[in-house]
C-alpha atoms as a PDB file:
ATOM      1  CA  UNK A   1      63.902  43.977  13.376  1.00  0.00           C
ATOM      2  CA  UNK A   2      60.574  45.010  11.853  1.00  0.00           C
ATOM      3  CA  UNK A   3      59.504  41.408  11.239  1.00  0.00           C
ATOM      4  CA  UNK A   4      60.413  40.306  14.754  1.00  0.00           C
ATOM      5  CA  UNK A   5      58.608  43.261  16.329  1.00  0.00           C
ATOM      6  CA  UNK A   6      55.529  42.681  14.185  1.00  0.00           C
ATOM      7  CA  UNK A   7      55.317  38.982  15.001  1.00  0.00           C
ATOM      8  CA  UNK A   8      55.907  39.595  18.698  1.00  0.00           C
ATOM      9  CA  UNK A   9      53.218  42.266  18.806  1.00  0.00           C
ATOM     10  CA  UNK A  10      50.674  39.925  17.244  1.00  0.00           C
ATOM     11  CA  UNK A  11      50.964  37.594  20.239  1.00  0.00           C
ATOM     12  CA  UNK A  12      49.355  40.211  22.498  1.00  0.00           C
ATOM     13  CA  UNK A  13      45.765  41.425  22.656  1.00  0.00           C
ATOM     14  CA  UNK A  14      45.196  44.933  21.357  1.00  0.00           C
ATOM     15  CA  UNK A  15      42.712  45.501  24.197  1.00  0.00           C
ATOM     16  CA  UNK A  16      44.519  44.099  27.244  1.00  0.00           C
ATOM     17  CA  UNK A  17      48.120  43.995  26.017  1.00  0.00           C
ATOM     18  CA  UNK A  18      48.325  40.435  27.352  1.00  0.00           C
ATOM     19  CA  UNK A  19      48.631  36.941  25.932  1.00  0.00           C
ATOM     20  CA  UNK A  20      47.573  33.408  26.854  1.00  0.00           C
ATOM     21  CA  UNK A  21      49.836  30.734  25.402  1.00  0.00           C
ATOM     22  CA  UNK A  22      49.437  26.986  25.821  1.00  0.00           C
ATOM     23  CA  UNK A  23      52.539  24.777  25.910  1.00  0.00           C
ATOM     24  CA  UNK A  24      52.484  21.282  24.408  1.00  0.00           C
ATOM     25  CA  UNK A  25      56.249  20.963  23.925  1.00  0.00           C
ATOM     26  CA  UNK A  26      56.833  18.776  26.985  1.00  0.00           C
ATOM     27  CA  UNK A  27      57.746  15.668  25.012  1.00  0.00           C
ATOM     28  CA  UNK A  28      60.954  17.325  23.793  1.00  0.00           C
ATOM     29  CA  UNK A  29      62.591  17.345  27.224  1.00  0.00           C
ATOM     30  CA  UNK A  30      60.172  17.093  30.153  1.00  0.00           C
ATOM     31  CA  UNK A  31      58.194  13.938  29.411  1.00  0.00           C
ATOM     32  CA  UNK A  32      54.585  13.699  28.244  1.00  0.00           C
ATOM     33  CA  UNK A  33      52.081  14.867  30.898  1.00  0.00           C
ATOM     34  CA  UNK A  34      49.259  12.459  31.834  1.00  0.00           C
ATOM     35  CA  UNK A  35      46.309  13.139  29.562  1.00  0.00           C
ATOM     36  CA  UNK A  36      48.460  14.351  26.683  1.00  0.00           C
ATOM     37  CA  UNK A  37      49.575  10.944  25.412  1.00  0.00           C
ATOM     38  CA  UNK A  38      47.534  11.385  22.236  1.00  0.00           C
ATOM     39  CA  UNK A  39      49.586  14.073  20.512  1.00  0.00           C
ATOM     40  CA  UNK A  40      47.115  14.731  17.691  1.00  0.00           C
ATOM     41  CA  UNK A  41      44.158  14.864  20.064  1.00  0.00           C
ATOM     42  CA  UNK A  42      45.973  17.099  22.537  1.00  0.00           C
ATOM     43  CA  UNK A  43      46.850  19.648  19.851  1.00  0.00           C
ATOM     44  CA  UNK A  44      43.266  19.578  18.569  1.00  0.00           C
ATOM     45  CA  UNK A  45      41.843  20.206  22.062  1.00  0.00           C
ATOM     46  CA  UNK A  46      44.303  23.006  22.726  1.00  0.00           C
ATOM     47  CA  UNK A  47      43.520  24.780  19.460  1.00  0.00           C
ATOM     48  CA  UNK A  48      39.767  24.444  20.078  1.00  0.00           C
ATOM     49  CA  UNK A  49      40.187  26.508  23.263  1.00  0.00           C
ATOM     50  CA  UNK A  50      41.544  29.396  21.164  1.00  0.00           C
ATOM     51  CA  UNK A  51      44.759  30.391  22.949  1.00  0.00           C
ATOM     52  CA  UNK A  52      46.722  33.259  21.453  1.00  0.00           C
ATOM     53  CA  UNK A  53      49.591  30.896  20.640  1.00  0.00           C
ATOM     54  CA  UNK A  54      50.780  27.318  21.075  1.00  0.00           C
ATOM     55  CA  UNK A  55      54.317  26.388  22.116  1.00  0.00           C
ATOM     56  CA  UNK A  56      55.120  23.101  20.400  1.00  0.00           C
ATOM     57  CA  UNK A  57      58.031  20.877  19.419  1.00  0.00           C
ATOM     58  CA  UNK A  58      59.086  20.954  15.766  1.00  0.00           C
ATOM     59  CA  UNK A  59      58.260  17.311  15.110  1.00  0.00           C
ATOM     60  CA  UNK A  60      54.775  17.404  16.617  1.00  0.00           C
ATOM     61  CA  UNK A  61      54.056  20.629  14.760  1.00  0.00           C
ATOM     62  CA  UNK A  62      55.178  19.098  11.474  1.00  0.00           C
ATOM     63  CA  UNK A  63      52.700  16.264  12.029  1.00  0.00           C
ATOM     64  CA  UNK A  64      49.799  18.500  13.129  1.00  0.00           C
ATOM     65  CA  UNK A  65      50.427  21.662  11.111  1.00  0.00           C
ATOM     66  CA  UNK A  66      47.193  21.296   9.131  1.00  0.00           C
ATOM     67  CA  UNK A  67      45.286  22.002  12.348  1.00  0.00           C
ATOM     68  CA  UNK A  68      46.827  25.499  12.344  1.00  0.00           C
ATOM     69  CA  UNK A  69      46.165  26.213   8.676  1.00  0.00           C
ATOM     70  CA  UNK A  70      43.215  28.595   8.856  1.00  0.00           C
ATOM     71  CA  UNK A  71      42.637  32.306   9.386  1.00  0.00           C
ATOM     72  CA  UNK A  72      42.573  33.169  13.071  1.00  0.00           C
ATOM     73  CA  UNK A  73      44.493  30.079  14.189  1.00  0.00           C
ATOM     74  CA  UNK A  74      46.802  30.413  17.211  1.00  0.00           C
ATOM     75  CA  UNK A  75      50.320  31.640  16.531  1.00  0.00           C
ATOM     76  CA  UNK A  76      53.019  28.955  16.469  1.00  0.00           C
ATOM     77  CA  UNK A  77      55.970  29.057  18.885  1.00  0.00           C
ATOM     78  CA  UNK A  78      58.599  26.427  18.088  1.00  0.00           C
ATOM     79  CA  UNK A  79      60.770  24.898  20.828  1.00  0.00           C
ATOM     80  CA  UNK A  80      64.312  25.281  19.565  1.00  0.00           C
ATOM     81  CA  UNK A  81      66.443  23.388  22.077  1.00  0.00           C
ATOM     82  CA  UNK A  82      66.788  20.477  24.481  1.00  0.00           C
ATOM     83  CA  UNK A  83      67.972  19.987  28.057  1.00  0.00           C
ATOM     84  CA  UNK A  84      68.273  16.876  30.206  1.00  0.00           C
ATOM     85  CA  UNK A  85      65.357  17.301  32.589  1.00  0.00           C
ATOM     86  CA  UNK A  86      63.602  13.972  33.147  1.00  0.00           C
ATOM     87  CA  UNK A  87      64.176  11.103  35.607  1.00  0.00           C
ATOM     88  CA  UNK A  88      64.613   8.621  32.742  1.00  0.00           C
ATOM     89  CA  UNK A  89      67.790  10.393  31.609  1.00  0.00           C
ATOM     90  CA  UNK A  90      68.914  12.379  34.661  1.00  0.00           C
ATOM     91  CA  UNK A  91      71.755   9.896  35.177  1.00  0.00           C
ATOM     92  CA  UNK A  92      73.307  11.157  31.927  1.00  0.00           C
ATOM     93  CA  UNK A  93      74.170  14.455  33.606  1.00  0.00           C
ATOM     94  CA  UNK A  94      73.387  17.999  32.531  1.00  0.00           C
ATOM     95  CA  UNK A  95      73.375  18.687  28.795  1.00  0.00           C
ATOM     96  CA  UNK A  96      72.112  21.391  26.473  1.00  0.00           C
ATOM     97  CA  UNK A  97      71.758  21.367  22.704  1.00  0.00           C
ATOM     98  CA  UNK A  98      70.190  23.603  20.066  1.00  0.00           C
ATOM     99  CA  UNK A  99      67.874  21.478  17.926  1.00  0.00           C
ATOM    100  CA  UNK A 100      66.252  24.025  15.609  1.00  0.00           C
ATOM    101  CA  UNK A 101      67.762  27.231  14.236  1.00  0.00           C
ATOM    102  CA  UNK A 102      65.653  30.371  13.757  1.00  0.00           C
ATOM    103  CA  UNK A 103      65.926  29.950   9.993  1.00  0.00           C
ATOM    104  CA  UNK A 104      64.562  26.409  10.289  1.00  0.00           C
ATOM    105  CA  UNK A 105      61.760  27.626  12.561  1.00  0.00           C
ATOM    106  CA  UNK A 106      60.757  30.223   9.950  1.00  0.00           C
ATOM    107  CA  UNK A 107      60.702  27.518   7.262  1.00  0.00           C
ATOM    108  CA  UNK A 108      58.357  25.469   9.491  1.00  0.00           C
ATOM    109  CA  UNK A 109      55.996  28.443   9.751  1.00  0.00           C
ATOM    110  CA  UNK A 110      56.829  29.647  13.261  1.00  0.00           C
ATOM    111  CA  UNK A 111      55.791  33.021  14.625  1.00  0.00           C
ATOM    112  CA  UNK A 112      58.498  32.842  17.319  1.00  0.00           C
ATOM    113  CA  UNK A 113      61.190  30.520  18.625  1.00  0.00           C
ATOM    114  CA  UNK A 114      61.595  29.592  22.308  1.00  0.00           C
ATOM    115  CA  UNK A 115      64.881  28.580  23.943  1.00  0.00           C
ATOM    116  CA  UNK A 116      66.036  27.787  27.482  1.00  0.00           C
ATOM    117  CA  UNK A 117      68.513  29.766  29.560  1.00  0.00           C
ATOM    118  CA  UNK A 118      69.344  27.125  32.176  1.00  0.00           C
ATOM    119  CA  UNK A 119      70.731  29.266  34.982  1.00  0.00           C
ATOM    120  CA  UNK A 120      70.889  26.418  37.487  1.00  0.00           C
ATOM    121  CA  UNK A 121      73.462  24.425  35.541  1.00  0.00           C
ATOM    122  CA  UNK A 122      76.246  23.055  37.709  1.00  0.00           C
ATOM    123  CA  UNK A 123      78.996  23.189  35.096  1.00  0.00           C
ATOM    124  CA  UNK A 124      80.284  26.502  33.790  1.00  0.00           C
ATOM    125  CA  UNK A 125      80.977  25.175  30.306  1.00  0.00           C
ATOM    126  CA  UNK A 126      77.359  24.116  29.829  1.00  0.00           C
ATOM    127  CA  UNK A 127      76.100  27.487  31.002  1.00  0.00           C
ATOM    128  CA  UNK A 128      78.595  29.358  28.826  1.00  0.00           C
ATOM    129  CA  UNK A 129      77.572  27.290  25.793  1.00  0.00           C
ATOM    130  CA  UNK A 130      73.918  27.986  26.595  1.00  0.00           C
ATOM    131  CA  UNK A 131      74.589  31.738  26.798  1.00  0.00           C
ATOM    132  CA  UNK A 132      76.488  31.689  23.509  1.00  0.00           C
ATOM    133  CA  UNK A 133      73.650  29.775  21.832  1.00  0.00           C
ATOM    134  CA  UNK A 134      71.108  32.349  23.014  1.00  0.00           C
ATOM    135  CA  UNK A 135      73.186  35.245  21.729  1.00  0.00           C
ATOM    136  CA  UNK A 136      73.760  33.603  18.358  1.00  0.00           C
ATOM    137  CA  UNK A 137      70.088  32.652  18.014  1.00  0.00           C
ATOM    138  CA  UNK A 138      68.944  36.186  18.835  1.00  0.00           C
ATOM    139  CA  UNK A 139      70.978  37.623  15.963  1.00  0.00           C
ATOM    140  CA  UNK A 140      69.854  34.908  13.545  1.00  0.00           C
ATOM    141  CA  UNK A 141      66.214  35.251  14.598  1.00  0.00           C
ATOM    142  CA  UNK A 142      66.178  38.992  14.069  1.00  0.00           C
ATOM    143  CA  UNK A 143      67.794  38.628  10.653  1.00  0.00           C
ATOM    144  CA  UNK A 144      64.980  36.214   9.792  1.00  0.00           C
ATOM    145  CA  UNK A 145      62.308  38.512  11.230  1.00  0.00           C
ATOM    146  CA  UNK A 146      61.491  36.148  14.095  1.00  0.00           C
ATOM    147  CA  UNK A 147      61.148  37.033  17.800  1.00  0.00           C
ATOM    148  CA  UNK A 148      63.129  35.032  20.341  1.00  0.00           C
ATOM    149  CA  UNK A 149      61.448  34.116  23.635  1.00  0.00           C
ATOM    150  CA  UNK A 150      63.895  32.909  26.275  1.00  0.00           C
ATOM    151  CA  UNK A 151      62.778  30.623  29.081  1.00  0.00           C
ATOM    152  CA  UNK A 152      64.962  31.903  31.906  1.00  0.00           C
ATOM    153  CA  UNK A 153      64.834  29.215  34.573  1.00  0.00           C
ATOM    154  CA  UNK A 154      66.896  28.091  37.551  1.00  0.00           C
ATOM    155  CA  UNK A 155      66.757  24.451  36.506  1.00  0.00           C
ATOM    156  CA  UNK A 156      69.858  22.372  37.015  1.00  0.00           C
ATOM    157  CA  UNK A 157      71.630  20.700  39.912  1.00  0.00           C
ATOM    158  CA  UNK A 158      73.343  23.795  41.314  1.00  0.00           C
ATOM    159  CA  UNK A 159      70.258  25.636  42.589  1.00  0.00           C
ATOM    160  CA  UNK A 160      67.550  24.067  44.751  1.00  0.00           C
ATOM    161  CA  UNK A 161      65.123  27.000  44.979  1.00  0.00           C
ATOM    162  CA  UNK A 162      63.857  27.465  41.421  1.00  0.00           C
ATOM    163  CA  UNK A 163      61.790  30.465  42.527  1.00  0.00           C
ATOM    164  CA  UNK A 164      64.655  32.505  44.018  1.00  0.00           C
ATOM    165  CA  UNK A 165      63.644  36.080  43.039  1.00  0.00           C
ATOM    166  CA  UNK A 166      67.148  37.528  42.850  1.00  0.00           C
ATOM    167  CA  UNK A 167      68.428  34.712  40.662  1.00  0.00           C
ATOM    168  CA  UNK A 168      65.340  34.818  38.432  1.00  0.00           C
ATOM    169  CA  UNK A 169      65.840  38.556  38.003  1.00  0.00           C
ATOM    170  CA  UNK A 170      69.505  37.937  37.180  1.00  0.00           C
ATOM    171  CA  UNK A 171      68.730  35.292  34.547  1.00  0.00           C
ATOM    172  CA  UNK A 172      65.853  37.239  33.021  1.00  0.00           C
ATOM    173  CA  UNK A 173      67.895  40.406  32.630  1.00  0.00           C
ATOM    174  CA  UNK A 174      70.783  38.414  31.176  1.00  0.00           C
ATOM    175  CA  UNK A 175      68.480  36.900  28.559  1.00  0.00           C
ATOM    176  CA  UNK A 176      67.273  40.335  27.476  1.00  0.00           C
ATOM    177  CA  UNK A 177      70.840  41.639  27.312  1.00  0.00           C
ATOM    178  CA  UNK A 178      71.644  38.697  25.035  1.00  0.00           C
ATOM    179  CA  UNK A 179      68.829  39.680  22.684  1.00  0.00           C
ATOM    180  CA  UNK A 180      65.618  38.045  23.924  1.00  0.00           C
ATOM    181  CA  UNK A 181      62.415  39.790  22.850  1.00  0.00           C
ATOM    182  CA  UNK A 182      60.325  38.298  25.659  1.00  0.00           C
ATOM    183  CA  UNK A 183      60.952  36.218  28.763  1.00  0.00           C
ATOM    184  CA  UNK A 184      59.230  33.098  30.050  1.00  0.00           C
ATOM    185  CA  UNK A 185      60.009  32.477  33.717  1.00  0.00           C
ATOM    186  CA  UNK A 186      58.776  31.257  37.089  1.00  0.00           C
ATOM    187  CA  UNK A 187      56.346  33.180  39.262  1.00  0.00           C
ATOM    188  CA  UNK A 188      58.398  33.895  42.376  1.00  0.00           C
ATOM    189  CA  UNK A 189      55.512  33.155  44.714  1.00  0.00           C
ATOM    190  CA  UNK A 190      54.701  36.645  45.927  1.00  0.00           C
ATOM    191  CA  UNK A 191      53.731  39.853  44.078  1.00  0.00           C
ATOM    192  CA  UNK A 192      56.394  42.172  45.472  1.00  0.00           C
ATOM    193  CA  UNK A 193      59.396  40.065  44.513  1.00  0.00           C
ATOM    194  CA  UNK A 194      57.789  39.340  41.126  1.00  0.00           C
ATOM    195  CA  UNK A 195      57.378  43.064  40.577  1.00  0.00           C
ATOM    196  CA  UNK A 196      61.104  43.495  41.123  1.00  0.00           C
ATOM    197  CA  UNK A 197      61.830  40.799  38.512  1.00  0.00           C
ATOM    198  CA  UNK A 198      59.522  42.489  36.012  1.00  0.00           C
ATOM    199  CA  UNK A 199      60.815  45.994  36.737  1.00  0.00           C
ATOM    200  CA  UNK A 200      64.363  44.804  36.050  1.00  0.00           C
ATOM    201  CA  UNK A 201      63.477  43.023  32.813  1.00  0.00           C
ATOM    202  CA  UNK A 202      63.110  45.429  29.862  1.00  0.00           C
ATOM    203  CA  UNK A 203      60.975  43.020  27.817  1.00  0.00           C
ATOM    204  CA  UNK A 204      57.540  41.417  28.235  1.00  0.00           C
ATOM    205  CA  UNK A 205      57.569  38.806  31.009  1.00  0.00           C
ATOM    206  CA  UNK A 206      55.389  35.722  30.644  1.00  0.00           C
ATOM    207  CA  UNK A 207      54.823  33.383  33.585  1.00  0.00           C
ATOM    208  CA  UNK A 208      55.307  29.643  33.112  1.00  0.00           C
ATOM    209  CA  UNK A 209      52.928  27.148  34.654  1.00  0.00           C
ATOM    210  CA  UNK A 210      55.415  24.677  36.098  1.00  0.00           C
ATOM    211  CA  UNK A 211      54.464  21.345  37.647  1.00  0.00           C
ATOM    212  CA  UNK A 212      50.811  20.372  37.621  1.00  0.00           C
ATOM    213  CA  UNK A 213      48.892  21.661  40.635  1.00  0.00           C
ATOM    214  CA  UNK A 214      45.898  19.905  42.149  1.00  0.00           C
ATOM    215  CA  UNK A 215      44.541  23.275  43.275  1.00  0.00           C
ATOM    216  CA  UNK A 216      43.198  25.181  40.283  1.00  0.00           C
ATOM    217  CA  UNK A 217      42.246  28.120  42.502  1.00  0.00           C
ATOM    218  CA  UNK A 218      45.885  28.504  43.524  1.00  0.00           C
ATOM    219  CA  UNK A 219      46.952  28.568  39.877  1.00  0.00           C
ATOM    220  CA  UNK A 220      44.370  31.233  39.056  1.00  0.00           C
ATOM    221  CA  UNK A 221      45.324  33.332  42.083  1.00  0.00           C
ATOM    222  CA  UNK A 222      49.038  33.155  41.239  1.00  0.00           C
ATOM    223  CA  UNK A 223      48.177  34.251  37.710  1.00  0.00           C
ATOM    224  CA  UNK A 224      46.166  37.204  39.012  1.00  0.00           C
ATOM    225  CA  UNK A 225      49.029  38.258  41.254  1.00  0.00           C
ATOM    226  CA  UNK A 226      51.613  38.053  38.470  1.00  0.00           C
ATOM    227  CA  UNK A 227      49.472  40.013  36.021  1.00  0.00           C
ATOM    228  CA  UNK A 228      48.678  42.623  38.674  1.00  0.00           C
ATOM    229  CA  UNK A 229      52.376  43.481  39.015  1.00  0.00           C
ATOM    230  CA  UNK A 230      53.065  43.648  35.305  1.00  0.00           C
ATOM    231  CA  UNK A 231      53.330  40.178  33.770  1.00  0.00           C
ATOM    232  CA  UNK A 232      52.146  40.370  30.158  1.00  0.00           C
ATOM    233  CA  UNK A 233      50.697  36.892  30.062  1.00  0.00           C
ATOM    234  CA  UNK A 234      51.249  33.226  30.752  1.00  0.00           C
ATOM    235  CA  UNK A 235      52.576  30.138  28.998  1.00  0.00           C
ATOM    236  CA  UNK A 236      50.794  27.256  30.730  1.00  0.00           C
ATOM    237  CA  UNK A 237      50.954  23.585  29.790  1.00  0.00           C
ATOM    238  CA  UNK A 238      50.328  20.971  32.464  1.00  0.00           C
ATOM    239  CA  UNK A 239      48.003  23.279  34.394  1.00  0.00           C
ATOM    240  CA  UNK A 240      45.748  23.901  31.398  1.00  0.00           C
END
């Protein structure tokens, strides 16, 4: 576990104990956000803003890895799985697959691997397979000295309110019990319920950005509220 703990710790500022991570992994499952069509240019712009880390798909990282090859570059978080989550393929139904193992992520040069826990899945078999994949990946990641960050989300066709605090707390705690070293999840929308999620999650909680907002002040205020009640940072993509 020493390697995983060391790599996880390096994601966070020694002064604030927090982290700012930019996500550019959308093309794996969510579709490319407007403005990010140029993959090489997007990665270059993101790195120039000096985030603590970049969450990226394995293929895009392989093609842009030279941009990370210098002292002080952002840490690399590799997206390790895939879900059906885009209108172009929604008619195929809900599916989940592991695409990169922790050992493969280490070989790529990753500092952590990120995987979904899709707690809104309609079918029990998909959810059970997802849970098993998380548990297996946690053990493999720790053997390889790599931290596992689990994106605990209520995505899927069974749950309409993706910000339900009780369900987010349930999924986040489950991910930690399965071996996650940190959690990426939704901001519930109000500080008190978010505090309850964080208090019940014995691992650093990072807030995801979600769909692009036209109100940057609202994004900043939500970030302030989440951090004020204990969130250790954010992983923002479309709202960067």
